[in-house]
Amino acid sequence: MIVFDVNVLLYAYTPTSPEHDPARKCIEALFSDDELVGLPWQTISAFIRILTDPRLPAVRRPAKEIVEIVESWMEQPNVRVLAPGERHWVIFREMLLEGQARGPMTTDAQLAALTIEAGGVLYTTDRDFSRFPGLRWKNPLI
């Protein structure tokens, strides 16, 4: 299963981003493939929060448009929305302690835990994820 961090999705839907073309091609290919794609609720909510933020006029889009994009992802037969399961706290705790995650990094620790729990590979452009033991991750844009 491929699990998406929000950054890849943001690049794909921000035409002014230098990473736009490779990110767009990546998600179009994966959302139309047979391989399972995991979308954590935190990734979905971050995507909505950032692309509808009135303080970011260069990227802001109408909420209706963003909701339609998210719904189009969810309608794909290979997409699963990820939520914490029974093992989540044990894995999350390990990511926090072993990855020395503090403050904002705790969100990354939770995403790492969700990915591990799902048996997935995290697609992200954020190298900070290398700190989490046992997490398989990849930058799909390089």
N, C-alpha and C. Protein backbone atom coordinates (compact mmCIF):
# COMPACT_ATOMS: atom_id res chain seq x y z
N MET A 1 0.85 -1.18 0.00
CA MET A 1 0.00 0.00 0.00
C MET A 1 0.89 1.24 0.00
N ILE A 2 0.51 2.21 -0.82
CA ILE A 2 1.16 3.51 -0.86
C ILE A 2 0.35 4.44 0.03
N VAL A 3 1.03 5.10 0.97
CA VAL A 3 0.37 6.05 1.87
C VAL A 3 0.91 7.44 1.54
N PHE A 4 0.02 8.38 1.36
CA PHE A 4 0.45 9.72 0.96
C PHE A 4 0.58 10.68 2.14
N ASP A 5 1.72 11.37 2.17
CA ASP A 5 1.89 12.56 2.99
C ASP A 5 1.25 13.70 2.20
N VAL A 6 0.84 14.74 2.88
CA VAL A 6 0.13 15.82 2.22
C VAL A 6 0.99 16.56 1.20
N ASN A 7 2.30 16.62 1.39
CA ASN A 7 3.11 17.44 0.49
C ASN A 7 3.03 17.01 -0.96
N VAL A 8 3.01 15.72 -1.23
CA VAL A 8 2.92 15.24 -2.62
C VAL A 8 1.59 15.67 -3.23
N LEU A 9 0.51 15.56 -2.46
CA LEU A 9 -0.81 15.95 -2.96
C LEU A 9 -0.89 17.46 -3.19
N LEU A 10 -0.31 18.23 -2.29
CA LEU A 10 -0.31 19.69 -2.47
C LEU A 10 0.43 20.10 -3.73
N TYR A 11 1.59 19.51 -3.96
CA TYR A 11 2.33 19.83 -5.17
C TYR A 11 1.51 19.50 -6.41
N ALA A 12 0.82 18.39 -6.38
CA ALA A 12 0.04 17.96 -7.55
C ALA A 12 -1.10 18.92 -7.87
N TYR A 13 -1.61 19.63 -6.87
CA TYR A 13 -2.74 20.53 -7.08
C TYR A 13 -2.37 22.00 -6.95
N THR A 14 -1.06 22.29 -7.03
CA THR A 14 -0.59 23.67 -7.02
C THR A 14 0.24 23.89 -8.27
N PRO A 15 -0.40 24.38 -9.33
CA PRO A 15 0.30 24.54 -10.62
C PRO A 15 1.54 25.43 -10.56
N THR A 16 1.63 26.33 -9.60
CA THR A 16 2.80 27.21 -9.50
C THR A 16 3.99 26.52 -8.82
N SER A 17 3.79 25.35 -8.27
CA SER A 17 4.87 24.63 -7.59
C SER A 17 5.83 24.04 -8.62
N PRO A 18 7.15 24.15 -8.37
CA PRO A 18 8.11 23.52 -9.29
C PRO A 18 7.95 22.00 -9.35
N GLU A 19 7.38 21.42 -8.30
CA GLU A 19 7.18 19.97 -8.25
C GLU A 19 5.83 19.53 -8.83
N HIS A 20 5.09 20.48 -9.37
CA HIS A 20 3.72 20.19 -9.82
C HIS A 20 3.65 19.04 -10.84
N ASP A 21 4.40 19.12 -11.92
CA ASP A 21 4.28 18.11 -12.98
C ASP A 21 4.62 16.69 -12.50
N PRO A 22 5.76 16.48 -11.85
CA PRO A 22 6.03 15.10 -11.40
C PRO A 22 5.04 14.61 -10.34
N ALA A 23 4.59 15.52 -9.47
CA ALA A 23 3.62 15.11 -8.44
C ALA A 23 2.29 14.76 -9.08
N ARG A 24 1.86 15.55 -10.02
CA ARG A 24 0.58 15.30 -10.71
C ARG A 24 0.62 13.94 -11.42
N LYS A 25 1.72 13.69 -12.14
CA LYS A 25 1.86 12.41 -12.85
C LYS A 25 1.86 11.24 -11.87
N CYS A 26 2.53 11.42 -10.75
CA CYS A 26 2.60 10.37 -9.73
C CYS A 26 1.22 10.01 -9.21
N ILE A 27 0.46 11.01 -8.78
CA ILE A 27 -0.84 10.68 -8.19
C ILE A 27 -1.84 10.21 -9.22
N GLU A 28 -1.79 10.75 -10.43
CA GLU A 28 -2.69 10.27 -11.48
C GLU A 28 -2.43 8.80 -11.76
N ALA A 29 -1.16 8.42 -11.82
CA ALA A 29 -0.82 7.02 -12.09
C ALA A 29 -1.27 6.12 -10.95
N LEU A 30 -1.00 6.54 -9.72
CA LEU A 30 -1.33 5.68 -8.57
C LEU A 30 -2.83 5.59 -8.30
N PHE A 31 -3.54 6.69 -8.47
CA PHE A 31 -4.98 6.65 -8.22
C PHE A 31 -5.73 5.85 -9.29
N SER A 32 -5.11 5.62 -10.42
CA SER A 32 -5.77 4.84 -11.47
C SER A 32 -5.18 3.44 -11.61
N ASP A 33 -4.29 3.07 -10.71
CA ASP A 33 -3.62 1.77 -10.75
C ASP A 33 -4.37 0.76 -9.88
N ASP A 34 -3.88 -0.47 -9.85
CA ASP A 34 -4.47 -1.50 -8.99
C ASP A 34 -3.88 -1.50 -7.59
N GLU A 35 -2.69 -0.91 -7.42
CA GLU A 35 -2.04 -0.90 -6.11
C GLU A 35 -2.87 -0.09 -5.12
N LEU A 36 -2.97 -0.60 -3.89
CA LEU A 36 -3.74 0.11 -2.87
C LEU A 36 -3.07 1.43 -2.50
N VAL A 37 -3.90 2.44 -2.33
CA VAL A 37 -3.47 3.77 -1.91
C VAL A 37 -4.16 4.08 -0.60
N GLY A 38 -3.37 4.47 0.41
CA GLY A 38 -3.92 4.83 1.70
C GLY A 38 -3.91 6.34 1.90
N LEU A 39 -5.04 6.87 2.30
CA LEU A 39 -5.14 8.29 2.60
C LEU A 39 -5.51 8.46 4.07
N PRO A 40 -4.54 8.83 4.91
CA PRO A 40 -4.86 9.06 6.31
C PRO A 40 -5.77 10.29 6.46
N TRP A 41 -6.63 10.26 7.46
CA TRP A 41 -7.50 11.41 7.70
C TRP A 41 -6.68 12.67 7.90
N GLN A 42 -5.51 12.57 8.56
CA GLN A 42 -4.72 13.77 8.78
C GLN A 42 -4.19 14.34 7.47
N THR A 43 -3.90 13.50 6.49
CA THR A 43 -3.46 13.97 5.17
C THR A 43 -4.61 14.66 4.46
N ILE A 44 -5.78 14.06 4.52
CA ILE A 44 -6.96 14.65 3.89
C ILE A 44 -7.28 16.00 4.51
N SER A 45 -7.30 16.07 5.84
CA SER A 45 -7.66 17.34 6.48
C SER A 45 -6.60 18.41 6.25
N ALA A 46 -5.33 18.04 6.21
CA ALA A 46 -4.27 19.01 5.92
C ALA A 46 -4.41 19.55 4.49
N PHE A 47 -4.73 18.68 3.55
CA PHE A 47 -4.93 19.10 2.16
C PHE A 47 -6.06 20.13 2.08
N ILE A 48 -7.17 19.83 2.73
CA ILE A 48 -8.31 20.75 2.73
C ILE A 48 -7.94 22.06 3.44
N ARG A 49 -7.32 21.95 4.60
CA ARG A 49 -6.96 23.14 5.39
C ARG A 49 -6.04 24.08 4.61
N ILE A 50 -5.03 23.54 3.98
CA ILE A 50 -4.04 24.37 3.29
C ILE A 50 -4.61 24.97 2.01
N LEU A 51 -5.30 24.18 1.22
CA LEU A 51 -5.78 24.69 -0.08
C LEU A 51 -7.02 25.58 0.03
N THR A 52 -7.61 25.66 1.20
CA THR A 52 -8.74 26.58 1.38
C THR A 52 -8.39 27.75 2.29
N ASP A 53 -7.14 27.86 2.70
CA ASP A 53 -6.71 28.90 3.64
C ASP A 53 -6.70 30.28 2.96
N PRO A 54 -7.53 31.21 3.44
CA PRO A 54 -7.57 32.54 2.82
C PRO A 54 -6.26 33.32 2.97
N ARG A 55 -5.40 32.91 3.88
CA ARG A 55 -4.11 33.60 4.03
C ARG A 55 -3.11 33.18 2.96
N LEU A 56 -3.47 32.20 2.15
CA LEU A 56 -2.57 31.72 1.09
C LEU A 56 -3.22 31.95 -0.28
N PRO A 57 -3.34 33.21 -0.69
CA PRO A 57 -4.07 33.50 -1.93
C PRO A 57 -3.48 32.83 -3.18
N ALA A 58 -2.18 32.55 -3.17
CA ALA A 58 -1.56 31.94 -4.36
C ALA A 58 -2.00 30.50 -4.58
N VAL A 59 -2.44 29.82 -3.50
CA VAL A 59 -2.84 28.42 -3.64
C VAL A 59 -4.31 28.19 -3.31
N ARG A 60 -4.95 29.17 -2.71
CA ARG A 60 -6.33 28.99 -2.22
C ARG A 60 -7.29 28.65 -3.36
N ARG A 61 -8.19 27.72 -3.03
CA ARG A 61 -9.24 27.32 -3.96
C ARG A 61 -10.54 27.21 -3.18
N PRO A 62 -11.66 27.26 -3.88
CA PRO A 62 -12.95 27.15 -3.18
C PRO A 62 -13.09 25.79 -2.48
N ALA A 63 -13.71 25.81 -1.31
CA ALA A 63 -13.90 24.59 -0.53
C ALA A 63 -14.65 23.53 -1.34
N LYS A 64 -15.65 23.94 -2.09
CA LYS A 64 -16.43 22.98 -2.89
C LYS A 64 -15.51 22.22 -3.87
N GLU A 65 -14.60 22.93 -4.49
CA GLU A 65 -13.68 22.31 -5.44
C GLU A 65 -12.76 21.30 -4.73
N ILE A 66 -12.25 21.68 -3.56
CA ILE A 66 -11.35 20.79 -2.82
C ILE A 66 -12.09 19.55 -2.32
N VAL A 67 -13.31 19.75 -1.86
CA VAL A 67 -14.12 18.59 -1.42
C VAL A 67 -14.38 17.65 -2.58
N GLU A 68 -14.64 18.19 -3.75
CA GLU A 68 -14.86 17.35 -4.93
C GLU A 68 -13.60 16.56 -5.30
N ILE A 69 -12.44 17.19 -5.15
CA ILE A 69 -11.18 16.48 -5.42
C ILE A 69 -11.02 15.30 -4.46
N VAL A 70 -11.23 15.57 -3.17
CA VAL A 70 -11.09 14.50 -2.17
C VAL A 70 -12.10 13.39 -2.44
N GLU A 71 -13.33 13.74 -2.76
CA GLU A 71 -14.34 12.72 -3.07
C GLU A 71 -13.95 11.90 -4.29
N SER A 72 -13.33 12.54 -5.28
CA SER A 72 -12.90 11.78 -6.47
C SER A 72 -11.83 10.76 -6.10
N TRP A 73 -10.97 11.10 -5.14
CA TRP A 73 -9.98 10.12 -4.68
C TRP A 73 -10.67 8.95 -4.00
N MET A 74 -11.60 9.28 -3.11
CA MET A 74 -12.27 8.25 -2.32
C MET A 74 -13.11 7.30 -3.17
N GLU A 75 -13.52 7.77 -4.33
CA GLU A 75 -14.33 6.94 -5.23
C GLU A 75 -13.49 5.91 -5.98
N GLN A 76 -12.18 6.07 -5.97
CA GLN A 76 -11.32 5.13 -6.68
C GLN A 76 -11.34 3.78 -5.97
N PRO A 77 -11.47 2.69 -6.71
CA PRO A 77 -11.57 1.37 -6.07
C PRO A 77 -10.33 0.94 -5.30
N ASN A 78 -9.18 1.53 -5.59
CA ASN A 78 -7.95 1.13 -4.91
C ASN A 78 -7.59 2.05 -3.73
N VAL A 79 -8.44 3.01 -3.40
CA VAL A 79 -8.15 3.96 -2.33
C VAL A 79 -8.84 3.54 -1.04
N ARG A 80 -8.07 3.59 0.05
CA ARG A 80 -8.60 3.30 1.39
C ARG A 80 -8.29 4.49 2.29
N VAL A 81 -9.27 4.91 3.07
CA VAL A 81 -9.03 5.95 4.07
C VAL A 81 -8.48 5.24 5.31
N LEU A 82 -7.36 5.74 5.81
CA LEU A 82 -6.69 5.09 6.93
C LEU A 82 -7.02 5.78 8.25
N ALA A 83 -7.33 4.96 9.22
CA ALA A 83 -7.57 5.43 10.58
C ALA A 83 -6.77 4.54 11.52
N PRO A 84 -6.43 5.04 12.69
CA PRO A 84 -5.68 4.22 13.64
C PRO A 84 -6.42 2.94 14.00
N GLY A 85 -5.66 1.86 14.11
CA GLY A 85 -6.22 0.58 14.51
C GLY A 85 -5.78 0.21 15.91
N GLU A 86 -5.94 -1.05 16.26
CA GLU A 86 -5.65 -1.53 17.62
C GLU A 86 -4.18 -1.38 18.01
N ARG A 87 -3.27 -1.49 17.06
CA ARG A 87 -1.83 -1.42 17.36
C ARG A 87 -1.28 0.00 17.30
N HIS A 88 -2.13 0.96 16.99
CA HIS A 88 -1.64 2.31 16.70
C HIS A 88 -0.85 2.92 17.85
N TRP A 89 -1.39 2.87 19.07
CA TRP A 89 -0.69 3.52 20.17
C TRP A 89 0.70 2.93 20.40
N VAL A 90 0.82 1.62 20.33
CA VAL A 90 2.13 0.98 20.56
C VAL A 90 3.14 1.45 19.52
N ILE A 91 2.72 1.49 18.26
CA ILE A 91 3.62 1.93 17.19
C ILE A 91 3.89 3.43 17.29
N PHE A 92 2.85 4.21 17.55
CA PHE A 92 2.98 5.66 17.68
C PHE A 92 3.95 6.00 18.81
N ARG A 93 3.80 5.32 19.94
CA ARG A 93 4.69 5.55 21.08
C ARG A 93 6.14 5.29 20.68
N GLU A 94 6.37 4.20 19.94
CA GLU A 94 7.73 3.89 19.50
C GLU A 94 8.26 4.99 18.57
N MET A 95 7.43 5.47 17.66
CA MET A 95 7.87 6.54 16.75
C MET A 95 8.21 7.81 17.52
N LEU A 96 7.40 8.12 18.53
CA LEU A 96 7.67 9.30 19.35
C LEU A 96 9.00 9.19 20.08
N LEU A 97 9.20 8.06 20.74
CA LEU A 97 10.39 7.89 21.58
C LEU A 97 11.64 7.60 20.76
N GLU A 98 11.57 6.61 19.89
CA GLU A 98 12.75 6.23 19.10
C GLU A 98 13.10 7.28 18.05
N GLY A 99 12.08 7.95 17.52
CA GLY A 99 12.32 8.99 16.52
C GLY A 99 12.57 10.35 17.13
N GLN A 100 12.53 10.41 18.46
CA GLN A 100 12.74 11.66 19.19
C GLN A 100 11.87 12.79 18.64
N ALA A 101 10.60 12.47 18.44
CA ALA A 101 9.65 13.43 17.88
C ALA A 101 9.09 14.31 18.99
N ARG A 102 9.12 15.61 18.75
CA ARG A 102 8.58 16.59 19.68
C ARG A 102 7.86 17.68 18.90
N GLY A 103 6.93 18.33 19.56
CA GLY A 103 6.23 19.45 18.93
C GLY A 103 5.57 19.06 17.62
N PRO A 104 5.79 19.87 16.58
CA PRO A 104 5.16 19.58 15.28
C PRO A 104 5.55 18.23 14.69
N MET A 105 6.72 17.71 15.10
CA MET A 105 7.18 16.43 14.56
C MET A 105 6.29 15.27 15.03
N THR A 106 5.47 15.49 16.07
CA THR A 106 4.60 14.41 16.54
C THR A 106 3.55 14.04 15.49
N THR A 107 3.17 15.01 14.66
CA THR A 107 2.25 14.70 13.57
C THR A 107 2.90 13.74 12.58
N ASP A 108 4.18 13.95 12.29
CA ASP A 108 4.90 13.03 11.42
C ASP A 108 5.02 11.65 12.06
N ALA A 109 5.22 11.62 13.37
CA ALA A 109 5.30 10.34 14.09
C ALA A 109 3.99 9.57 13.95
N GLN A 110 2.88 10.28 14.03
CA GLN A 110 1.59 9.61 13.89
C GLN A 110 1.41 9.09 12.47
N LEU A 111 1.81 9.87 11.48
CA LEU A 111 1.70 9.41 10.09
C LEU A 111 2.61 8.20 9.86
N ALA A 112 3.79 8.22 10.44
CA ALA A 112 4.68 7.06 10.34
C ALA A 112 4.03 5.83 10.97
N ALA A 113 3.42 6.01 12.13
CA ALA A 113 2.76 4.89 12.82
C ALA A 113 1.60 4.33 11.99
N LEU A 114 0.80 5.20 11.40
CA LEU A 114 -0.31 4.74 10.54
C LEU A 114 0.22 3.95 9.35
N THR A 115 1.30 4.43 8.76
CA THR A 115 1.87 3.76 7.59
C THR A 115 2.40 2.38 7.97
N ILE A 116 3.12 2.31 9.08
CA ILE A 116 3.64 1.02 9.54
C ILE A 116 2.50 0.07 9.86
N GLU A 117 1.50 0.57 10.57
CA GLU A 117 0.35 -0.27 10.95
C GLU A 117 -0.35 -0.83 9.71
N ALA A 118 -0.42 -0.04 8.63
CA ALA A 118 -1.07 -0.47 7.40
C ALA A 118 -0.16 -1.33 6.53
N GLY A 119 1.11 -1.46 6.91
CA GLY A 119 2.05 -2.23 6.11
C GLY A 119 2.42 -1.51 4.82
N GLY A 120 2.38 -0.20 4.85
CA GLY A 120 2.57 0.58 3.64
C GLY A 120 3.94 1.21 3.49
N VAL A 121 4.07 1.96 2.40
CA VAL A 121 5.25 2.76 2.11
C VAL A 121 4.76 4.20 2.02
N LEU A 122 5.36 5.08 2.81
CA LEU A 122 4.97 6.48 2.81
C LEU A 122 5.60 7.21 1.64
N TYR A 123 4.78 7.86 0.83
CA TYR A 123 5.26 8.71 -0.24
C TYR A 123 5.27 10.14 0.27
N THR A 124 6.47 10.70 0.37
CA THR A 124 6.66 12.04 0.92
C THR A 124 7.92 12.65 0.33
N THR A 125 8.00 13.96 0.35
CA THR A 125 9.23 14.64 -0.05
C THR A 125 10.00 15.12 1.18
N ASP A 126 9.52 14.78 2.35
CA ASP A 126 10.09 15.24 3.62
C ASP A 126 11.09 14.22 4.16
N ARG A 127 12.37 14.56 4.14
CA ARG A 127 13.43 13.65 4.59
C ARG A 127 13.43 13.42 6.09
N ASP A 128 12.70 14.23 6.84
CA ASP A 128 12.63 14.04 8.29
C ASP A 128 12.06 12.67 8.66
N PHE A 129 11.34 12.04 7.76
CA PHE A 129 10.76 10.74 8.06
C PHE A 129 11.82 9.65 8.23
N SER A 130 13.03 9.93 7.82
CA SER A 130 14.11 8.94 7.98
C SER A 130 14.41 8.66 9.45
N ARG A 131 13.95 9.50 10.35
CA ARG A 131 14.22 9.33 11.79
C ARG A 131 13.38 8.23 12.43
N PHE A 132 12.34 7.76 11.74
CA PHE A 132 11.41 6.82 12.34
C PHE A 132 11.79 5.38 12.02
N PRO A 133 12.14 4.59 13.04
CA PRO A 133 12.59 3.22 12.82
C PRO A 133 11.48 2.33 12.26
N GLY A 134 11.84 1.56 11.25
CA GLY A 134 10.89 0.62 10.68
C GLY A 134 9.96 1.21 9.63
N LEU A 135 10.03 2.52 9.43
CA LEU A 135 9.17 3.15 8.42
C LEU A 135 9.80 3.01 7.05
N ARG A 136 9.02 2.48 6.12
CA ARG A 136 9.45 2.45 4.72
C ARG A 136 8.89 3.71 4.07
N TRP A 137 9.75 4.51 3.45
CA TRP A 137 9.30 5.74 2.82
C TRP A 137 10.09 5.98 1.54
N LYS A 138 9.51 6.81 0.68
CA LYS A 138 10.10 7.06 -0.62
C LYS A 138 9.69 8.45 -1.08
N ASN A 139 10.62 9.15 -1.71
CA ASN A 139 10.29 10.41 -2.38
C ASN A 139 9.94 10.04 -3.82
N PRO A 140 8.65 10.10 -4.17
CA PRO A 140 8.24 9.65 -5.50
C PRO A 140 8.58 10.65 -6.60
N LEU A 141 9.11 11.81 -6.24
CA LEU A 141 9.38 12.85 -7.23
C LEU A 141 10.83 12.85 -7.71
N ILE A 142 11.64 11.93 -7.16
CA ILE A 142 13.03 11.87 -7.63
C ILE A 142 13.30 10.52 -8.26
